[in-house]
C-alpha atoms as a PDB file:
ATOM      1  CA  UNK A   1      -8.486  12.663 -28.412  1.00  0.00           C
ATOM      2  CA  UNK A   2      -8.506   9.182 -26.950  1.00  0.00           C
ATOM      3  CA  UNK A   3     -10.677   6.520 -27.701  1.00  0.00           C
ATOM      4  CA  UNK A   4     -12.554   4.177 -25.357  1.00  0.00           C
ATOM      5  CA  UNK A   5     -11.401   0.477 -24.660  1.00  0.00           C
ATOM      6  CA  UNK A   6      -8.924   1.436 -27.251  1.00  0.00           C
ATOM      7  CA  UNK A   7      -6.568  -1.233 -25.547  1.00  0.00           C
ATOM      8  CA  UNK A   8      -8.742  -3.972 -26.704  1.00  0.00           C
ATOM      9  CA  UNK A   9     -10.765  -2.970 -29.674  1.00  0.00           C
ATOM     10  CA  UNK A  10     -10.176  -1.886 -33.295  1.00  0.00           C
ATOM     11  CA  UNK A  11     -12.398   1.409 -34.806  1.00  0.00           C
ATOM     12  CA  UNK A  12     -15.220  -0.937 -35.636  1.00  0.00           C
ATOM     13  CA  UNK A  13     -15.516  -1.475 -32.266  1.00  0.00           C
ATOM     14  CA  UNK A  14     -15.399   2.242 -31.590  1.00  0.00           C
ATOM     15  CA  UNK A  15     -17.931   3.002 -34.012  1.00  0.00           C
ATOM     16  CA  UNK A  16     -20.405   0.203 -32.293  1.00  0.00           C
ATOM     17  CA  UNK A  17     -20.229   1.996 -29.511  1.00  0.00           C
ATOM     18  CA  UNK A  18     -21.118   4.877 -30.894  1.00  0.00           C
ATOM     19  CA  UNK A  19     -24.153   3.508 -32.371  1.00  0.00           C
ATOM     20  CA  UNK A  20     -25.028   2.448 -28.876  1.00  0.00           C
ATOM     21  CA  UNK A  21     -24.942   5.849 -26.983  1.00  0.00           C
ATOM     22  CA  UNK A  22     -26.020   7.943 -30.099  1.00  0.00           C
ATOM     23  CA  UNK A  23     -29.226   5.778 -30.642  1.00  0.00           C
ATOM     24  CA  UNK A  24     -27.983   4.326 -34.142  1.00  0.00           C
ATOM     25  CA  UNK A  25     -30.129   1.544 -34.983  1.00  0.00           C
ATOM     26  CA  UNK A  26     -31.547  -0.087 -31.445  1.00  0.00           C
ATOM     27  CA  UNK A  27     -30.916   1.889 -28.572  1.00  0.00           C
ATOM     28  CA  UNK A  28     -29.125   0.587 -25.503  1.00  0.00           C
ATOM     29  CA  UNK A  29     -29.395   3.048 -22.993  1.00  0.00           C
ATOM     30  CA  UNK A  30     -32.883   4.699 -23.245  1.00  0.00           C
ATOM     31  CA  UNK A  31     -35.363   1.591 -22.698  1.00  0.00           C
ATOM     32  CA  UNK A  32     -37.375   1.910 -19.511  1.00  0.00           C
ATOM     33  CA  UNK A  33     -38.054  -1.677 -19.230  1.00  0.00           C
ATOM     34  CA  UNK A  34     -36.466  -4.092 -18.709  1.00  0.00           C
ATOM     35  CA  UNK A  35     -33.854  -2.565 -16.331  1.00  0.00           C
ATOM     36  CA  UNK A  36     -30.466  -4.318 -18.564  1.00  0.00           C
ATOM     37  CA  UNK A  37     -26.831  -3.906 -17.974  1.00  0.00           C
ATOM     38  CA  UNK A  38     -25.029  -4.242 -21.988  1.00  0.00           C
ATOM     39  CA  UNK A  39     -21.414  -5.692 -21.561  1.00  0.00           C
ATOM     40  CA  UNK A  40     -18.657  -6.631 -23.970  1.00  0.00           C
ATOM     41  CA  UNK A  41     -15.651  -8.686 -22.741  1.00  0.00           C
ATOM     42  CA  UNK A  42     -11.513  -8.572 -24.042  1.00  0.00           C
ATOM     43  CA  UNK A  43     -12.565 -11.131 -26.936  1.00  0.00           C
ATOM     44  CA  UNK A  44     -15.557  -8.793 -28.232  1.00  0.00           C
ATOM     45  CA  UNK A  45     -18.306 -10.847 -27.038  1.00  0.00           C
ATOM     46  CA  UNK A  46     -21.902  -9.355 -26.000  1.00  0.00           C
ATOM     47  CA  UNK A  47     -23.100  -9.535 -22.771  1.00  0.00           C
ATOM     48  CA  UNK A  48     -26.993  -8.552 -21.677  1.00  0.00           C
ATOM     49  CA  UNK A  49     -28.312  -8.800 -18.158  1.00  0.00           C
ATOM     50  CA  UNK A  50     -31.815  -8.259 -17.903  1.00  0.00           C
ATOM     51  CA  UNK A  51     -33.805  -7.841 -14.209  1.00  0.00           C
ATOM     52  CA  UNK A  52     -37.255 -10.319 -14.645  1.00  0.00           C
ATOM     53  CA  UNK A  53     -38.098 -10.674 -11.175  1.00  0.00           C
ATOM     54  CA  UNK A  54     -41.307 -11.880 -11.247  1.00  0.00           C
ATOM     55  CA  UNK A  55     -41.252 -12.791 -14.881  1.00  0.00           C
ATOM     56  CA  UNK A  56     -41.429 -16.728 -16.090  1.00  0.00           C
ATOM     57  CA  UNK A  57     -38.988 -17.913 -18.603  1.00  0.00           C
ATOM     58  CA  UNK A  58     -42.129 -18.939 -20.711  1.00  0.00           C
ATOM     59  CA  UNK A  59     -42.959 -15.668 -21.110  1.00  0.00           C
ATOM     60  CA  UNK A  60     -39.433 -14.624 -22.988  1.00  0.00           C
ATOM     61  CA  UNK A  61     -38.651 -15.067 -26.221  1.00  0.00           C
ATOM     62  CA  UNK A  62     -35.197 -13.938 -27.956  1.00  0.00           C
ATOM     63  CA  UNK A  63     -34.977 -13.635 -31.881  1.00  0.00           C
ATOM     64  CA  UNK A  64     -32.709 -12.083 -34.027  1.00  0.00           C
ATOM     65  CA  UNK A  65     -33.567 -10.115 -37.395  1.00  0.00           C
ATOM     66  CA  UNK A  66     -30.724  -8.265 -39.415  1.00  0.00           C
ATOM     67  CA  UNK A  67     -28.348  -6.454 -37.343  1.00  0.00           C
ATOM     68  CA  UNK A  68     -31.126  -6.426 -34.237  1.00  0.00           C
ATOM     69  CA  UNK A  69     -31.567  -9.048 -31.155  1.00  0.00           C
ATOM     70  CA  UNK A  70     -35.456  -9.071 -30.599  1.00  0.00           C
ATOM     71  CA  UNK A  71     -36.311  -9.460 -26.751  1.00  0.00           C
ATOM     72  CA  UNK A  72     -39.865 -10.242 -25.922  1.00  0.00           C
ATOM     73  CA  UNK A  73     -41.726 -10.157 -22.690  1.00  0.00           C
ATOM     74  CA  UNK A  74     -44.903 -10.733 -21.364  1.00  0.00           C
ATOM     75  CA  UNK A  75     -46.078 -10.823 -17.777  1.00  0.00           C
ATOM     76  CA  UNK A  76     -49.386 -12.814 -16.740  1.00  0.00           C
ATOM     77  CA  UNK A  77     -51.747 -10.820 -14.925  1.00  0.00           C
ATOM     78  CA  UNK A  78     -52.013 -11.271 -11.382  1.00  0.00           C
ATOM     79  CA  UNK A  79     -55.043 -11.992  -9.777  1.00  0.00           C
ATOM     80  CA  UNK A  80     -55.718  -9.706  -6.732  1.00  0.00           C
ATOM     81  CA  UNK A  81     -57.331 -11.641  -3.957  1.00  0.00           C
ATOM     82  CA  UNK A  82     -60.720 -11.374  -2.980  1.00  0.00           C
ATOM     83  CA  UNK A  83     -61.167  -8.254  -1.015  1.00  0.00           C
ATOM     84  CA  UNK A  84     -57.406  -6.117  -1.812  1.00  0.00           C
ATOM     85  CA  UNK A  85     -57.560  -3.164  -4.341  1.00  0.00           C
ATOM     86  CA  UNK A  86     -54.586  -1.536  -5.215  1.00  0.00           C
ATOM     87  CA  UNK A  87     -53.202   1.565  -3.333  1.00  0.00           C
ATOM     88  CA  UNK A  88     -50.286   1.812  -5.504  1.00  0.00           C
ATOM     89  CA  UNK A  89     -49.573  -0.365  -8.696  1.00  0.00           C
ATOM     90  CA  UNK A  90     -45.491   0.013  -8.922  1.00  0.00           C
ATOM     91  CA  UNK A  91     -45.051  -3.859 -10.217  1.00  0.00           C
ATOM     92  CA  UNK A  92     -44.926  -3.720 -14.034  1.00  0.00           C
ATOM     93  CA  UNK A  93     -47.263  -6.824 -15.912  1.00  0.00           C
ATOM     94  CA  UNK A  94     -47.297  -5.518 -19.412  1.00  0.00           C
ATOM     95  CA  UNK A  95     -45.943  -6.492 -22.691  1.00  0.00           C
ATOM     96  CA  UNK A  96     -42.608  -5.022 -23.899  1.00  0.00           C
ATOM     97  CA  UNK A  97     -40.814  -5.766 -27.015  1.00  0.00           C
ATOM     98  CA  UNK A  98     -37.354  -4.173 -27.282  1.00  0.00           C
ATOM     99  CA  UNK A  99     -34.088  -4.340 -30.140  1.00  0.00           C
ATOM    100  CA  UNK A 100     -30.956  -4.431 -29.538  1.00  0.00           C
ATOM    101  CA  UNK A 101     -27.739  -3.522 -31.776  1.00  0.00           C
ATOM    102  CA  UNK A 102     -26.033  -6.991 -32.585  1.00  0.00           C
ATOM    103  CA  UNK A 103     -24.469  -6.825 -36.197  1.00  0.00           C
ATOM    104  CA  UNK A 104     -24.401  -9.991 -37.970  1.00  0.00           C
ATOM    105  CA  UNK A 105     -20.945  -9.287 -39.301  1.00  0.00           C
ATOM    106  CA  UNK A 106     -19.112  -9.481 -35.988  1.00  0.00           C
ATOM    107  CA  UNK A 107     -21.186 -11.506 -33.476  1.00  0.00           C
ATOM    108  CA  UNK A 108     -22.090 -15.233 -34.155  1.00  0.00           C
ATOM    109  CA  UNK A 109     -26.381 -15.430 -33.364  1.00  0.00           C
ATOM    110  CA  UNK A 110     -26.048 -19.018 -34.281  1.00  0.00           C
ATOM    111  CA  UNK A 111     -23.879 -20.110 -31.154  1.00  0.00           C
ATOM    112  CA  UNK A 112     -25.634 -17.109 -28.830  1.00  0.00           C
ATOM    113  CA  UNK A 113     -27.092 -18.759 -25.309  1.00  0.00           C
ATOM    114  CA  UNK A 114     -29.447 -17.625 -23.100  1.00  0.00           C
ATOM    115  CA  UNK A 115     -29.469 -18.685 -18.914  1.00  0.00           C
ATOM    116  CA  UNK A 116     -32.921 -17.649 -16.934  1.00  0.00           C
ATOM    117  CA  UNK A 117     -32.155 -17.883 -13.374  1.00  0.00           C
ATOM    118  CA  UNK A 118     -33.393 -16.035  -9.923  1.00  0.00           C
ATOM    119  CA  UNK A 119     -35.385 -13.543 -11.927  1.00  0.00           C
ATOM    120  CA  UNK A 120     -31.962 -12.194 -14.053  1.00  0.00           C
ATOM    121  CA  UNK A 121     -32.275 -13.131 -17.825  1.00  0.00           C
ATOM    122  CA  UNK A 122     -28.473 -13.818 -19.351  1.00  0.00           C
ATOM    123  CA  UNK A 123     -27.714 -13.531 -23.073  1.00  0.00           C
ATOM    124  CA  UNK A 124     -24.580 -13.872 -24.225  1.00  0.00           C
ATOM    125  CA  UNK A 125     -23.410 -13.658 -28.033  1.00  0.00           C
ATOM    126  CA  UNK A 126     -20.310 -14.991 -29.486  1.00  0.00           C
ATOM    127  CA  UNK A 127     -17.884 -12.342 -31.290  1.00  0.00           C
ATOM    128  CA  UNK A 128     -17.165 -14.294 -34.665  1.00  0.00           C
ATOM    129  CA  UNK A 129     -13.376 -14.810 -35.110  1.00  0.00           C
ATOM    130  CA  UNK A 130     -11.692 -12.372 -37.055  1.00  0.00           C
ATOM    131  CA  UNK A 131     -10.039 -14.177 -40.606  1.00  0.00           C
ATOM    132  CA  UNK A 132      -6.413 -13.554 -40.706  1.00  0.00           C
ATOM    133  CA  UNK A 133      -4.836 -12.087 -43.171  1.00  0.00           C
ATOM    134  CA  UNK A 134      -3.826 -13.941 -45.730  1.00  0.00           C
ATOM    135  CA  UNK A 135      -0.410 -12.275 -47.639  1.00  0.00           C
ATOM    136  CA  UNK A 136       0.803 -13.518 -50.763  1.00  0.00           C
ATOM    137  CA  UNK A 137       4.445 -14.152 -52.032  1.00  0.00           C
ATOM    138  CA  UNK A 138       5.550 -11.299 -54.216  1.00  0.00           C
ATOM    139  CA  UNK A 139       7.329 -13.308 -57.174  1.00  0.00           C
END
């Protein structure tokens, strides 16, 4: 059986992908809101892209706890102009708190960066540089 991404990543990465897809820890694939893309590059850095059109950056909080990145989003209630009534209310404007699996042993959360621009929230979490193996001289 071939392993996904085996050209770039080691066994730990395959285990992490299985956790993402099988629902161990935080789930990437089951949240309905907000829409999110989770990507990883060849250097094992994680990238999260959240579609948050209509939200303001002051209403978005990102934190880390244990092996989870927590994204807390709250929208301001839109006030309708006088005389307007909803026929269909399809734009979500509620609070949500979602957790995403980011193992501390593999990722440097202290160097994580986020940018909110044009309704897109981008979060980059760099991987930790793996320690080089040190060989002992046998005497």
